[in-house]
Amino acid sequence: MPIPVKDVMGRVAIAVLPDATFAEIVAAMRRYAVGAVTVIDAERRPIGVVSEDDLLLKEVDPVRHRVSMFESRTQRHEHDKAAGVTAGELMTSPAITVTPETPVRGAARIMHAKRIKQLPVVDEETGRVVGTLHQRDVLRVFTRPAADLERDVRAVLPDDGSFTVQVDAGVARIGGRVRRRSQAVALTEAVRAVEGVVDVACDVTYDDDDLIGVPPLL
């Protein structure tokens, strides 16, 4: 069963209002030892995120006060952000969020694709921020007790008592016998999808190789 974000997320919503100053943003990041803060409106709904990268534009954008007709829209946007002094001016918007029921694996994919280290968690009904999911929270999934992993791995295998399961350091080794090779492949992928499984060692044997390619007729 997929592990939802609510099982691993931080219950503290690290957030500031749009009028928070540069210094207040830095202070919040230092206080909570985070690399980004969520910018929320008066109803506690996320409207953007200010990250360390946004703040560093102050240092890496030496031409933020000059306008060039040759710069791209992205460059102009970064110049504007570099000149900002409040969270509303510095933030990246819209905020990318997840809900407490989002599978951790899905949240991890978002983090990887967007190259972000944390996500605001919002209530699905109200849209209000209720917590923060950090990369370290996601990685906690891979330190689950072996007994818990073994239980979840067995849950995706046929319940006929013919399969063996061993879990060591997050690697699940499965054994047994099936009729077709495609069934063994499907079982391997099902186990690989279990939250917390780092890798799968498949010792499942089969009678018929139904995945052998047929050469084209000449």
N, C-alpha and C. Protein backbone atom coordinates (compact mmCIF):
# COMPACT_ATOMS: atom_id res chain seq x y z
N MET A 1 0.85 -1.20 0.00
CA MET A 1 0.00 0.00 0.00
C MET A 1 0.88 1.25 0.00
N PRO A 2 0.63 2.20 -0.91
CA PRO A 2 1.45 3.41 -0.96
C PRO A 2 1.41 4.19 0.35
N ILE A 3 2.56 4.72 0.75
CA ILE A 3 2.63 5.53 1.96
C ILE A 3 2.23 6.96 1.62
N PRO A 4 1.25 7.54 2.31
CA PRO A 4 0.85 8.91 2.01
C PRO A 4 1.79 9.93 2.66
N VAL A 5 1.80 11.11 2.09
CA VAL A 5 2.65 12.19 2.60
C VAL A 5 2.41 12.47 4.08
N LYS A 6 1.16 12.34 4.53
CA LYS A 6 0.83 12.66 5.92
C LYS A 6 1.58 11.80 6.92
N ASP A 7 2.07 10.63 6.49
CA ASP A 7 2.78 9.73 7.40
C ASP A 7 4.22 10.15 7.64
N VAL A 8 4.77 11.02 6.79
CA VAL A 8 6.19 11.38 6.93
C VAL A 8 6.43 12.89 6.96
N MET A 9 5.43 13.70 6.66
CA MET A 9 5.63 15.14 6.53
C MET A 9 5.88 15.81 7.88
N GLY A 10 6.49 17.00 7.82
CA GLY A 10 6.63 17.82 9.01
C GLY A 10 5.35 18.57 9.27
N ARG A 11 4.93 18.61 10.53
CA ARG A 11 3.66 19.25 10.87
C ARG A 11 3.77 20.76 11.01
N VAL A 12 4.99 21.30 10.91
CA VAL A 12 5.19 22.74 11.00
C VAL A 12 5.18 23.33 9.60
N ALA A 13 4.30 24.28 9.37
CA ALA A 13 4.25 24.98 8.09
C ALA A 13 5.19 26.17 8.14
N ILE A 14 6.29 26.09 7.46
CA ILE A 14 7.30 27.14 7.48
C ILE A 14 6.92 28.16 6.41
N ALA A 15 6.27 29.24 6.84
CA ALA A 15 5.67 30.16 5.89
C ALA A 15 5.82 31.61 6.34
N VAL A 16 5.75 32.51 5.35
CA VAL A 16 5.79 33.95 5.61
C VAL A 16 4.70 34.61 4.77
N LEU A 17 4.34 35.82 5.12
CA LEU A 17 3.38 36.59 4.35
C LEU A 17 4.08 37.34 3.21
N PRO A 18 3.35 37.79 2.20
CA PRO A 18 3.98 38.45 1.05
C PRO A 18 4.80 39.68 1.41
N ASP A 19 4.46 40.37 2.52
CA ASP A 19 5.20 41.59 2.86
C ASP A 19 6.40 41.31 3.77
N ALA A 20 6.73 40.04 3.99
CA ALA A 20 7.91 39.72 4.80
C ALA A 20 9.16 40.25 4.11
N THR A 21 10.07 40.82 4.88
CA THR A 21 11.27 41.42 4.30
C THR A 21 12.33 40.36 4.01
N PHE A 22 13.32 40.76 3.25
CA PHE A 22 14.46 39.89 2.93
C PHE A 22 15.07 39.34 4.21
N ALA A 23 15.32 40.22 5.18
CA ALA A 23 15.93 39.81 6.43
C ALA A 23 15.05 38.83 7.20
N GLU A 24 13.74 39.03 7.18
CA GLU A 24 12.82 38.13 7.87
C GLU A 24 12.80 36.75 7.22
N ILE A 25 12.91 36.73 5.91
CA ILE A 25 12.95 35.44 5.20
C ILE A 25 14.21 34.67 5.58
N VAL A 26 15.34 35.35 5.56
CA VAL A 26 16.61 34.71 5.93
C VAL A 26 16.55 34.21 7.37
N ALA A 27 15.97 35.02 8.25
CA ALA A 27 15.87 34.62 9.66
C ALA A 27 15.02 33.36 9.81
N ALA A 28 13.92 33.27 9.06
CA ALA A 28 13.06 32.08 9.12
C ALA A 28 13.80 30.85 8.62
N MET A 29 14.56 31.00 7.55
CA MET A 29 15.32 29.88 7.01
C MET A 29 16.35 29.39 8.01
N ARG A 30 17.03 30.33 8.69
CA ARG A 30 18.03 29.95 9.68
C ARG A 30 17.39 29.29 10.90
N ARG A 31 16.28 29.84 11.33
CA ARG A 31 15.62 29.32 12.54
C ARG A 31 15.19 27.88 12.37
N TYR A 32 14.66 27.56 11.19
CA TYR A 32 14.14 26.21 10.97
C TYR A 32 15.09 25.34 10.15
N ALA A 33 16.26 25.88 9.80
CA ALA A 33 17.27 25.14 9.05
C ALA A 33 16.69 24.56 7.76
N VAL A 34 16.06 25.43 6.97
CA VAL A 34 15.46 25.01 5.70
C VAL A 34 16.00 25.87 4.57
N GLY A 35 15.82 25.38 3.35
CA GLY A 35 16.30 26.10 2.18
C GLY A 35 15.25 26.87 1.44
N ALA A 36 14.02 26.89 1.98
CA ALA A 36 12.94 27.62 1.32
C ALA A 36 11.81 27.85 2.31
N VAL A 37 11.02 28.88 2.06
CA VAL A 37 9.83 29.14 2.86
C VAL A 37 8.64 29.36 1.93
N THR A 38 7.48 28.94 2.38
CA THR A 38 6.26 29.13 1.60
C THR A 38 5.70 30.52 1.85
N VAL A 39 5.23 31.16 0.81
CA VAL A 39 4.57 32.46 0.94
C VAL A 39 3.07 32.21 0.90
N ILE A 40 2.37 32.66 1.93
CA ILE A 40 0.93 32.39 2.04
C ILE A 40 0.14 33.70 2.04
N ASP A 41 -1.13 33.59 1.64
CA ASP A 41 -2.00 34.75 1.71
C ASP A 41 -2.67 34.84 3.08
N ALA A 42 -3.59 35.75 3.22
CA ALA A 42 -4.23 35.96 4.53
C ALA A 42 -5.05 34.75 4.98
N GLU A 43 -5.41 33.87 4.04
CA GLU A 43 -6.18 32.67 4.36
C GLU A 43 -5.30 31.44 4.54
N ARG A 44 -3.98 31.65 4.62
CA ARG A 44 -2.99 30.58 4.78
C ARG A 44 -2.93 29.65 3.57
N ARG A 45 -3.24 30.19 2.40
CA ARG A 45 -3.12 29.41 1.17
C ARG A 45 -1.81 29.77 0.48
N PRO A 46 -1.03 28.79 0.07
CA PRO A 46 0.26 29.07 -0.59
C PRO A 46 0.07 29.81 -1.91
N ILE A 47 0.86 30.85 -2.11
CA ILE A 47 0.83 31.58 -3.37
C ILE A 47 2.19 31.58 -4.05
N GLY A 48 3.20 31.08 -3.36
CA GLY A 48 4.54 31.04 -3.93
C GLY A 48 5.53 30.48 -2.94
N VAL A 49 6.78 30.38 -3.38
CA VAL A 49 7.86 29.88 -2.52
C VAL A 49 9.09 30.73 -2.75
N VAL A 50 9.78 31.09 -1.66
CA VAL A 50 11.07 31.77 -1.76
C VAL A 50 12.14 30.78 -1.33
N SER A 51 13.05 30.49 -2.24
CA SER A 51 14.13 29.56 -1.95
C SER A 51 15.46 30.29 -1.81
N GLU A 52 16.47 29.56 -1.39
CA GLU A 52 17.80 30.15 -1.31
C GLU A 52 18.26 30.63 -2.68
N ASP A 53 17.88 29.90 -3.73
CA ASP A 53 18.26 30.33 -5.08
C ASP A 53 17.66 31.69 -5.41
N ASP A 54 16.41 31.93 -4.97
CA ASP A 54 15.78 33.23 -5.21
C ASP A 54 16.55 34.33 -4.50
N LEU A 55 16.97 34.06 -3.27
CA LEU A 55 17.70 35.07 -2.50
C LEU A 55 19.09 35.33 -3.09
N LEU A 56 19.71 34.27 -3.61
CA LEU A 56 21.06 34.42 -4.16
C LEU A 56 21.11 35.24 -5.43
N LEU A 57 19.96 35.48 -6.04
CA LEU A 57 19.94 36.35 -7.22
C LEU A 57 20.47 37.74 -6.91
N LYS A 58 20.37 38.12 -5.63
CA LYS A 58 20.91 39.42 -5.22
C LYS A 58 22.40 39.51 -5.51
N GLU A 59 23.08 38.36 -5.38
CA GLU A 59 24.53 38.35 -5.55
C GLU A 59 24.95 38.00 -6.98
N VAL A 60 24.18 37.14 -7.65
CA VAL A 60 24.63 36.63 -8.95
C VAL A 60 24.08 37.42 -10.13
N ASP A 61 23.24 38.41 -9.86
CA ASP A 61 22.65 39.20 -10.95
C ASP A 61 23.18 40.63 -10.88
N PRO A 62 24.36 40.86 -11.44
CA PRO A 62 24.97 42.20 -11.33
C PRO A 62 24.30 43.26 -12.20
N VAL A 63 23.42 42.86 -13.13
CA VAL A 63 22.82 43.86 -14.02
C VAL A 63 21.34 44.03 -13.74
N ARG A 64 20.93 43.77 -12.51
CA ARG A 64 19.51 43.78 -12.22
C ARG A 64 18.88 45.17 -12.34
N HIS A 65 19.71 46.19 -12.34
CA HIS A 65 19.17 47.54 -12.45
C HIS A 65 19.27 48.08 -13.88
N ARG A 66 19.77 47.26 -14.80
CA ARG A 66 19.88 47.69 -16.19
C ARG A 66 18.95 46.85 -17.05
N VAL A 67 18.36 47.44 -18.03
CA VAL A 67 17.45 46.73 -18.91
C VAL A 67 18.07 46.63 -20.30
N SER A 68 18.05 45.44 -20.88
CA SER A 68 18.60 45.22 -22.21
C SER A 68 17.50 44.74 -23.14
N MET A 69 17.50 45.26 -24.35
CA MET A 69 16.49 44.85 -25.32
C MET A 69 16.73 43.42 -25.81
N PHE A 70 17.91 42.87 -25.51
CA PHE A 70 18.25 41.55 -26.01
C PHE A 70 17.99 40.44 -24.98
N GLU A 71 17.62 40.79 -23.76
CA GLU A 71 17.42 39.76 -22.75
C GLU A 71 16.08 39.05 -22.93
N SER A 72 16.05 37.80 -22.48
CA SER A 72 14.84 36.99 -22.62
C SER A 72 13.84 37.33 -21.52
N ARG A 73 12.64 36.79 -21.67
CA ARG A 73 11.61 37.00 -20.65
C ARG A 73 12.07 36.44 -19.31
N THR A 74 12.74 35.27 -19.35
CA THR A 74 13.24 34.66 -18.12
C THR A 74 14.28 35.55 -17.46
N GLN A 75 15.18 36.12 -18.25
CA GLN A 75 16.20 37.02 -17.70
C GLN A 75 15.57 38.26 -17.09
N ARG A 76 14.57 38.82 -17.77
CA ARG A 76 13.91 40.00 -17.22
C ARG A 76 13.21 39.66 -15.90
N HIS A 77 12.61 38.47 -15.85
CA HIS A 77 11.94 38.05 -14.63
C HIS A 77 12.94 37.91 -13.48
N GLU A 78 14.11 37.34 -13.78
CA GLU A 78 15.13 37.18 -12.75
C GLU A 78 15.67 38.54 -12.30
N HIS A 79 15.81 39.48 -13.22
CA HIS A 79 16.26 40.82 -12.85
C HIS A 79 15.26 41.47 -11.90
N ASP A 80 13.97 41.30 -12.20
CA ASP A 80 12.93 41.87 -11.35
C ASP A 80 12.99 41.24 -9.94
N LYS A 81 13.17 39.93 -9.90
CA LYS A 81 13.25 39.25 -8.60
C LYS A 81 14.48 39.69 -7.83
N ALA A 82 15.59 39.86 -8.54
CA ALA A 82 16.83 40.28 -7.88
C ALA A 82 16.69 41.66 -7.25
N ALA A 83 15.82 42.47 -7.83
CA ALA A 83 15.61 43.81 -7.29
C ALA A 83 14.57 43.83 -6.18
N GLY A 84 13.90 42.70 -5.95
CA GLY A 84 12.85 42.64 -4.95
C GLY A 84 13.38 42.71 -3.53
N VAL A 85 12.50 43.13 -2.62
CA VAL A 85 12.89 43.24 -1.20
C VAL A 85 11.89 42.54 -0.29
N THR A 86 10.77 42.08 -0.83
CA THR A 86 9.77 41.38 -0.01
C THR A 86 9.53 39.99 -0.57
N ALA A 87 8.89 39.16 0.24
CA ALA A 87 8.61 37.78 -0.19
C ALA A 87 7.76 37.76 -1.45
N GLY A 88 6.77 38.67 -1.54
CA GLY A 88 5.92 38.72 -2.71
C GLY A 88 6.67 39.05 -3.98
N GLU A 89 7.75 39.82 -3.86
CA GLU A 89 8.55 40.19 -5.03
C GLU A 89 9.61 39.14 -5.36
N LEU A 90 10.06 38.42 -4.35
CA LEU A 90 11.15 37.46 -4.52
C LEU A 90 10.67 36.05 -4.86
N MET A 91 9.43 35.75 -4.56
CA MET A 91 8.95 34.37 -4.64
C MET A 91 8.84 33.87 -6.08
N THR A 92 8.91 32.54 -6.18
CA THR A 92 8.60 31.83 -7.41
C THR A 92 7.15 31.38 -7.29
N SER A 93 6.35 31.71 -8.30
CA SER A 93 4.92 31.45 -8.24
C SER A 93 4.44 30.83 -9.56
N PRO A 94 3.43 29.97 -9.51
CA PRO A 94 2.66 29.54 -8.32
C PRO A 94 3.43 28.50 -7.51
N ALA A 95 2.98 28.28 -6.30
CA ALA A 95 3.61 27.28 -5.43
C ALA A 95 3.23 25.89 -5.91
N ILE A 96 4.21 25.00 -5.93
CA ILE A 96 3.95 23.59 -6.25
C ILE A 96 3.65 22.89 -4.93
N THR A 97 2.50 22.28 -4.82
CA THR A 97 2.06 21.71 -3.55
C THR A 97 1.64 20.24 -3.70
N VAL A 98 1.51 19.58 -2.55
CA VAL A 98 0.94 18.24 -2.48
C VAL A 98 -0.08 18.24 -1.34
N THR A 99 -0.87 17.19 -1.26
CA THR A 99 -1.84 17.05 -0.18
C THR A 99 -1.38 15.95 0.78
N PRO A 100 -1.97 15.86 1.96
CA PRO A 100 -1.59 14.79 2.89
C PRO A 100 -1.79 13.40 2.32
N GLU A 101 -2.71 13.24 1.37
CA GLU A 101 -2.98 11.92 0.81
C GLU A 101 -2.14 11.59 -0.42
N THR A 102 -1.33 12.54 -0.88
CA THR A 102 -0.46 12.27 -2.02
C THR A 102 0.52 11.16 -1.68
N PRO A 103 0.70 10.14 -2.52
CA PRO A 103 1.71 9.12 -2.25
C PRO A 103 3.11 9.73 -2.19
N VAL A 104 3.91 9.26 -1.25
CA VAL A 104 5.26 9.79 -1.10
C VAL A 104 6.05 9.61 -2.40
N ARG A 105 5.86 8.49 -3.06
CA ARG A 105 6.58 8.25 -4.31
C ARG A 105 6.23 9.33 -5.34
N GLY A 106 4.96 9.73 -5.40
CA GLY A 106 4.56 10.78 -6.32
C GLY A 106 5.18 12.12 -5.96
N ALA A 107 5.24 12.42 -4.66
CA ALA A 107 5.87 13.66 -4.20
C ALA A 107 7.36 13.66 -4.55
N ALA A 108 7.99 12.50 -4.43
CA ALA A 108 9.41 12.40 -4.76
C ALA A 108 9.65 12.67 -6.24
N ARG A 109 8.74 12.19 -7.07
CA ARG A 109 8.87 12.44 -8.51
C ARG A 109 8.75 13.94 -8.81
N ILE A 110 7.84 14.61 -8.11
CA ILE A 110 7.67 16.06 -8.30
C ILE A 110 8.95 16.78 -7.90
N MET A 111 9.51 16.41 -6.74
CA MET A 111 10.74 17.04 -6.27
C MET A 111 11.87 16.87 -7.29
N HIS A 112 11.97 15.65 -7.81
CA HIS A 112 13.05 15.37 -8.77
C HIS A 112 12.84 16.14 -10.06
N ALA A 113 11.62 16.12 -10.57
CA ALA A 113 11.34 16.77 -11.85
C ALA A 113 11.50 18.29 -11.77
N LYS A 114 11.08 18.87 -10.65
CA LYS A 114 11.13 20.33 -10.49
C LYS A 114 12.41 20.81 -9.82
N ARG A 115 13.24 19.84 -9.39
CA ARG A 115 14.50 20.17 -8.72
C ARG A 115 14.28 21.05 -7.50
N ILE A 116 13.36 20.61 -6.64
CA ILE A 116 13.08 21.33 -5.41
C ILE A 116 13.26 20.39 -4.22
N LYS A 117 13.57 20.97 -3.06
CA LYS A 117 13.93 20.17 -1.90
C LYS A 117 12.80 20.06 -0.88
N GLN A 118 11.75 20.82 -1.05
CA GLN A 118 10.63 20.72 -0.12
C GLN A 118 9.34 21.18 -0.80
N LEU A 119 8.23 20.69 -0.28
CA LEU A 119 6.92 21.00 -0.85
C LEU A 119 5.95 21.40 0.25
N PRO A 120 5.19 22.47 0.05
CA PRO A 120 4.11 22.79 0.98
C PRO A 120 3.03 21.70 0.89
N VAL A 121 2.50 21.32 2.04
CA VAL A 121 1.40 20.34 2.07
C VAL A 121 0.13 21.11 2.40
N VAL A 122 -0.89 20.97 1.55
CA VAL A 122 -2.11 21.75 1.73
C VAL A 122 -3.31 20.84 1.94
N ASP A 123 -4.26 21.33 2.71
CA ASP A 123 -5.52 20.62 2.91
C ASP A 123 -6.27 20.59 1.58
N GLU A 124 -6.74 19.42 1.20
CA GLU A 124 -7.37 19.27 -0.11
C GLU A 124 -8.65 20.07 -0.25
N GLU A 125 -9.36 20.29 0.84
CA GLU A 125 -10.63 21.01 0.78
C GLU A 125 -10.46 22.53 0.87
N THR A 126 -9.64 22.97 1.81
CA THR A 126 -9.51 24.41 2.04
C THR A 126 -8.36 25.05 1.27
N GLY A 127 -7.38 24.25 0.88
CA GLY A 127 -6.21 24.80 0.21
C GLY A 127 -5.22 25.45 1.16
N ARG A 128 -5.49 25.36 2.46
CA ARG A 128 -4.59 25.98 3.44
C ARG A 128 -3.40 25.08 3.73
N VAL A 129 -2.27 25.71 3.97
CA VAL A 129 -1.06 24.95 4.24
C VAL A 129 -1.15 24.30 5.62
N VAL A 130 -0.80 23.01 5.69
CA VAL A 130 -0.89 22.26 6.94
C VAL A 130 0.43 21.62 7.34
N GLY A 131 1.45 21.78 6.52
CA GLY A 131 2.74 21.19 6.85
C GLY A 131 3.71 21.35 5.71
N THR A 132 4.87 20.74 5.85
CA THR A 132 5.93 20.82 4.84
C THR A 132 6.54 19.44 4.64
N LEU A 133 6.75 19.06 3.41
CA LEU A 133 7.43 17.81 3.09
C LEU A 133 8.83 18.13 2.61
N HIS A 134 9.84 17.63 3.32
CA HIS A 134 11.24 17.86 2.96
C HIS A 134 11.81 16.61 2.30
N GLN A 135 12.92 16.78 1.60
CA GLN A 135 13.59 15.62 1.01
C GLN A 135 13.94 14.59 2.07
N ARG A 136 14.38 15.05 3.23
CA ARG A 136 14.76 14.10 4.28
C ARG A 136 13.55 13.29 4.75
N ASP A 137 12.35 13.88 4.66
CA ASP A 137 11.13 13.14 5.02
C ASP A 137 10.90 12.01 4.02
N VAL A 138 11.10 12.32 2.74
CA VAL A 138 10.92 11.31 1.70
C VAL A 138 11.91 10.17 1.89
N LEU A 139 13.16 10.51 2.21
CA LEU A 139 14.19 9.48 2.36
C LEU A 139 13.95 8.59 3.57
N ARG A 140 13.15 9.05 4.52
CA ARG A 140 12.82 8.21 5.68
C ARG A 140 12.10 6.94 5.27
N VAL A 141 11.43 6.99 4.13
CA VAL A 141 10.72 5.80 3.64
C VAL A 141 11.69 4.65 3.43
N PHE A 142 12.94 4.97 3.05
CA PHE A 142 13.92 3.94 2.76
C PHE A 142 14.63 3.42 4.00
N THR A 143 14.19 3.85 5.18
CA THR A 143 14.73 3.31 6.43
C THR A 143 13.65 2.59 7.21
N ARG A 144 12.61 2.16 6.52
CA ARG A 144 11.53 1.43 7.18
C ARG A 144 12.04 0.11 7.73
N PRO A 145 11.47 -0.38 8.84
CA PRO A 145 11.87 -1.67 9.40
C PRO A 145 11.68 -2.79 8.38
N ALA A 146 12.60 -3.74 8.38
CA ALA A 146 12.54 -4.85 7.42
C ALA A 146 11.24 -5.61 7.53
N ALA A 147 10.71 -5.75 8.75
CA ALA A 147 9.46 -6.50 8.94
C ALA A 147 8.30 -5.81 8.22
N ASP A 148 8.28 -4.46 8.27
CA ASP A 148 7.22 -3.72 7.59
C ASP A 148 7.33 -3.87 6.08
N LEU A 149 8.56 -3.80 5.58
CA LEU A 149 8.77 -3.96 4.15
C LEU A 149 8.36 -5.36 3.69
N GLU A 150 8.77 -6.36 4.46
CA GLU A 150 8.43 -7.74 4.09
C GLU A 150 6.92 -7.94 4.04
N ARG A 151 6.22 -7.36 5.00
CA ARG A 151 4.76 -7.46 5.01
C ARG A 151 4.15 -6.86 3.76
N ASP A 152 4.63 -5.67 3.36
CA ASP A 152 4.07 -5.00 2.20
C ASP A 152 4.46 -5.70 0.90
N VAL A 153 5.66 -6.30 0.87
CA VAL A 153 6.07 -7.05 -0.31
C VAL A 153 5.19 -8.29 -0.47
N ARG A 154 4.96 -8.99 0.61
CA ARG A 154 4.11 -10.18 0.54
C ARG A 154 2.69 -9.82 0.09
N ALA A 155 2.27 -8.62 0.42
CA ALA A 155 0.90 -8.20 0.07
C ALA A 155 0.70 -8.07 -1.44
N VAL A 156 1.79 -7.85 -2.20
CA VAL A 156 1.65 -7.72 -3.66
C VAL A 156 1.96 -9.02 -4.39
N LEU A 157 2.34 -10.06 -3.65
CA LEU A 157 2.60 -11.37 -4.25
C LEU A 157 1.37 -12.26 -4.10
N PRO A 158 1.21 -13.25 -4.96
CA PRO A 158 0.08 -14.18 -4.82
C PRO A 158 0.07 -14.82 -3.44
N ASP A 159 -1.10 -14.88 -2.84
CA ASP A 159 -1.23 -15.39 -1.47
C ASP A 159 -1.50 -16.90 -1.48
N ASP A 160 -0.50 -17.64 -1.99
CA ASP A 160 -0.66 -19.10 -2.03
C ASP A 160 0.44 -19.82 -1.27
N GLY A 161 1.29 -19.05 -0.57
CA GLY A 161 2.32 -19.65 0.27
C GLY A 161 3.51 -20.21 -0.49
N SER A 162 3.58 -20.00 -1.81
CA SER A 162 4.67 -20.59 -2.59
C SER A 162 5.83 -19.63 -2.84
N PHE A 163 5.70 -18.40 -2.37
CA PHE A 163 6.75 -17.41 -2.61
C PHE A 163 7.52 -17.10 -1.33
N THR A 164 8.82 -16.91 -1.48
CA THR A 164 9.66 -16.55 -0.35
C THR A 164 10.06 -15.09 -0.46
N VAL A 165 10.23 -14.46 0.67
CA VAL A 165 10.62 -13.05 0.70
C VAL A 165 11.68 -12.84 1.77
N GLN A 166 12.75 -12.16 1.39
CA GLN A 166 13.79 -11.75 2.34
C GLN A 166 14.12 -10.28 2.08
N VAL A 167 14.24 -9.51 3.14
CA VAL A 167 14.55 -8.09 3.00
C VAL A 167 15.81 -7.78 3.78
N ASP A 168 16.77 -7.15 3.11
CA ASP A 168 18.02 -6.78 3.75
C ASP A 168 18.46 -5.42 3.21
N ALA A 169 18.58 -4.43 4.11
CA ALA A 169 19.02 -3.08 3.73
C ALA A 169 18.17 -2.51 2.61
N GLY A 170 16.87 -2.79 2.63
CA GLY A 170 15.97 -2.24 1.65
C GLY A 170 15.87 -3.03 0.36
N VAL A 171 16.72 -4.06 0.20
CA VAL A 171 16.67 -4.90 -1.00
C VAL A 171 15.79 -6.10 -0.73
N ALA A 172 14.76 -6.27 -1.56
CA ALA A 172 13.83 -7.38 -1.39
C ALA A 172 14.21 -8.51 -2.34
N ARG A 173 14.45 -9.69 -1.79
CA ARG A 173 14.74 -10.88 -2.61
C ARG A 173 13.51 -11.78 -2.58
N ILE A 174 12.98 -12.05 -3.76
CA ILE A 174 11.78 -12.88 -3.85
C ILE A 174 12.09 -14.16 -4.61
N GLY A 175 11.49 -15.25 -4.16
CA GLY A 175 11.69 -16.54 -4.81
C GLY A 175 10.37 -17.26 -4.99
N GLY A 176 10.35 -18.21 -5.90
CA GLY A 176 9.14 -18.96 -6.18
C GLY A 176 9.13 -19.42 -7.61
N ARG A 177 8.00 -19.89 -8.07
CA ARG A 177 7.90 -20.38 -9.45
C ARG A 177 6.56 -19.95 -10.05
N VAL A 178 6.62 -19.51 -11.31
CA VAL A 178 5.41 -19.14 -12.05
C VAL A 178 5.44 -19.84 -13.39
N ARG A 179 4.35 -19.75 -14.08
CA ARG A 179 4.26 -20.44 -15.37
C ARG A 179 5.02 -19.71 -16.47
N ARG A 180 4.85 -18.37 -16.51
CA ARG A 180 5.44 -17.62 -17.61
C ARG A 180 6.45 -16.59 -17.11
N ARG A 181 7.43 -16.29 -17.94
CA ARG A 181 8.45 -15.30 -17.61
C ARG A 181 7.83 -13.92 -17.40
N SER A 182 6.82 -13.57 -18.19
CA SER A 182 6.17 -12.26 -18.05
C SER A 182 5.56 -12.09 -16.67
N GLN A 183 5.12 -13.21 -16.06
CA GLN A 183 4.58 -13.13 -14.71
C GLN A 183 5.67 -12.78 -13.71
N ALA A 184 6.86 -13.36 -13.90
CA ALA A 184 7.99 -13.06 -13.01
C ALA A 184 8.39 -11.59 -13.13
N VAL A 185 8.37 -11.07 -14.36
CA VAL A 185 8.71 -9.66 -14.58
C VAL A 185 7.68 -8.77 -13.90
N ALA A 186 6.40 -9.12 -14.03
CA ALA A 186 5.33 -8.32 -13.43
C ALA A 186 5.45 -8.31 -11.91
N LEU A 187 5.78 -9.46 -11.32
CA LEU A 187 5.94 -9.53 -9.86
C LEU A 187 7.11 -8.66 -9.41
N THR A 188 8.20 -8.69 -10.17
CA THR A 188 9.38 -7.88 -9.83
C THR A 188 9.03 -6.40 -9.82
N GLU A 189 8.29 -5.95 -10.83
CA GLU A 189 7.92 -4.54 -10.90
C GLU A 189 6.94 -4.16 -9.80
N ALA A 190 6.05 -5.08 -9.43
CA ALA A 190 5.10 -4.81 -8.35
C ALA A 190 5.84 -4.64 -7.03
N VAL A 191 6.85 -5.47 -6.80
CA VAL A 191 7.64 -5.36 -5.57
C VAL A 191 8.48 -4.10 -5.59
N ARG A 192 9.02 -3.76 -6.75
CA ARG A 192 9.84 -2.55 -6.86
C ARG A 192 9.03 -1.30 -6.54
N ALA A 193 7.72 -1.35 -6.78
CA ALA A 193 6.86 -0.19 -6.53
C ALA A 193 6.48 -0.04 -5.06
N VAL A 194 6.81 -1.01 -4.23
CA VAL A 194 6.49 -0.92 -2.80
C VAL A 194 7.32 0.19 -2.17
N GLU A 195 6.66 1.07 -1.43
CA GLU A 195 7.37 2.20 -0.80
C GLU A 195 8.46 1.69 0.13
N GLY A 196 9.69 2.17 -0.09
CA GLY A 196 10.80 1.80 0.77
C GLY A 196 11.70 0.73 0.19
N VAL A 197 11.27 0.06 -0.86
CA VAL A 197 12.12 -0.94 -1.51
C VAL A 197 13.17 -0.24 -2.36
N VAL A 198 14.43 -0.50 -2.05
CA VAL A 198 15.53 0.13 -2.78
C VAL A 198 15.80 -0.59 -4.10
N ASP A 199 15.74 -1.92 -4.05
CA ASP A 199 15.97 -2.72 -5.25
C ASP A 199 15.34 -4.09 -5.04
N VAL A 200 15.24 -4.87 -6.14
CA VAL A 200 14.64 -6.19 -6.08
C VAL A 200 15.59 -7.21 -6.68
N ALA A 201 15.82 -8.29 -5.95
CA ALA A 201 16.57 -9.44 -6.46
C ALA A 201 15.56 -10.54 -6.72
N CYS A 202 15.34 -10.86 -7.98
CA CYS A 202 14.29 -11.81 -8.34
C CYS A 202 14.87 -13.20 -8.60
N ASP A 203 14.51 -14.14 -7.76
CA ASP A 203 14.90 -15.54 -7.93
C ASP A 203 13.71 -16.39 -8.38
N VAL A 204 12.69 -15.73 -8.87
CA VAL A 204 11.49 -16.44 -9.33
C VAL A 204 11.80 -17.14 -10.65
N THR A 205 11.53 -18.43 -10.72
CA THR A 205 11.76 -19.19 -11.95
C THR A 205 10.45 -19.34 -12.71
N TYR A 206 10.55 -19.78 -13.96
CA TYR A 206 9.37 -19.89 -14.80
C TYR A 206 9.52 -21.08 -15.75
N ASP A 207 8.38 -21.55 -16.25
CA ASP A 207 8.37 -22.70 -17.16
C ASP A 207 8.49 -22.27 -18.62
N ASP A 208 7.76 -21.25 -19.01
CA ASP A 208 7.75 -20.83 -20.41
C ASP A 208 8.25 -19.39 -20.53
N ASP A 209 9.16 -19.18 -21.49
CA ASP A 209 9.64 -17.82 -21.76
C ASP A 209 8.78 -17.22 -22.86
N ASP A 210 7.76 -16.47 -22.43
CA ASP A 210 6.85 -15.87 -23.41
C ASP A 210 7.32 -14.50 -23.87
N LEU A 211 8.53 -14.14 -23.50
CA LEU A 211 9.07 -12.83 -23.90
C LEU A 211 10.15 -12.94 -24.97
N ILE A 212 10.33 -14.16 -25.49
CA ILE A 212 11.34 -14.34 -26.53
C ILE A 212 10.84 -13.65 -27.80
N GLY A 213 11.69 -12.80 -28.35
CA GLY A 213 11.30 -12.10 -29.57
C GLY A 213 11.32 -13.02 -30.79
N VAL A 214 10.39 -12.80 -31.68
CA VAL A 214 10.33 -13.57 -32.92
C VAL A 214 10.99 -12.76 -34.02
N PRO A 215 12.01 -13.32 -34.67
CA PRO A 215 12.70 -12.55 -35.72
C PRO A 215 11.76 -12.27 -36.89
N PRO A 216 11.91 -11.14 -37.52
CA PRO A 216 11.04 -10.79 -38.65
C PRO A 216 11.28 -11.70 -39.83
N LEU A 217 10.23 -11.94 -40.58
CA LEU A 217 10.35 -12.76 -41.80
C LEU A 217 11.08 -11.97 -42.87
N LEU A 218 11.99 -12.65 -43.58
CA LEU A 218 12.73 -12.01 -44.66
C LEU A 218 11.95 -12.10 -45.96
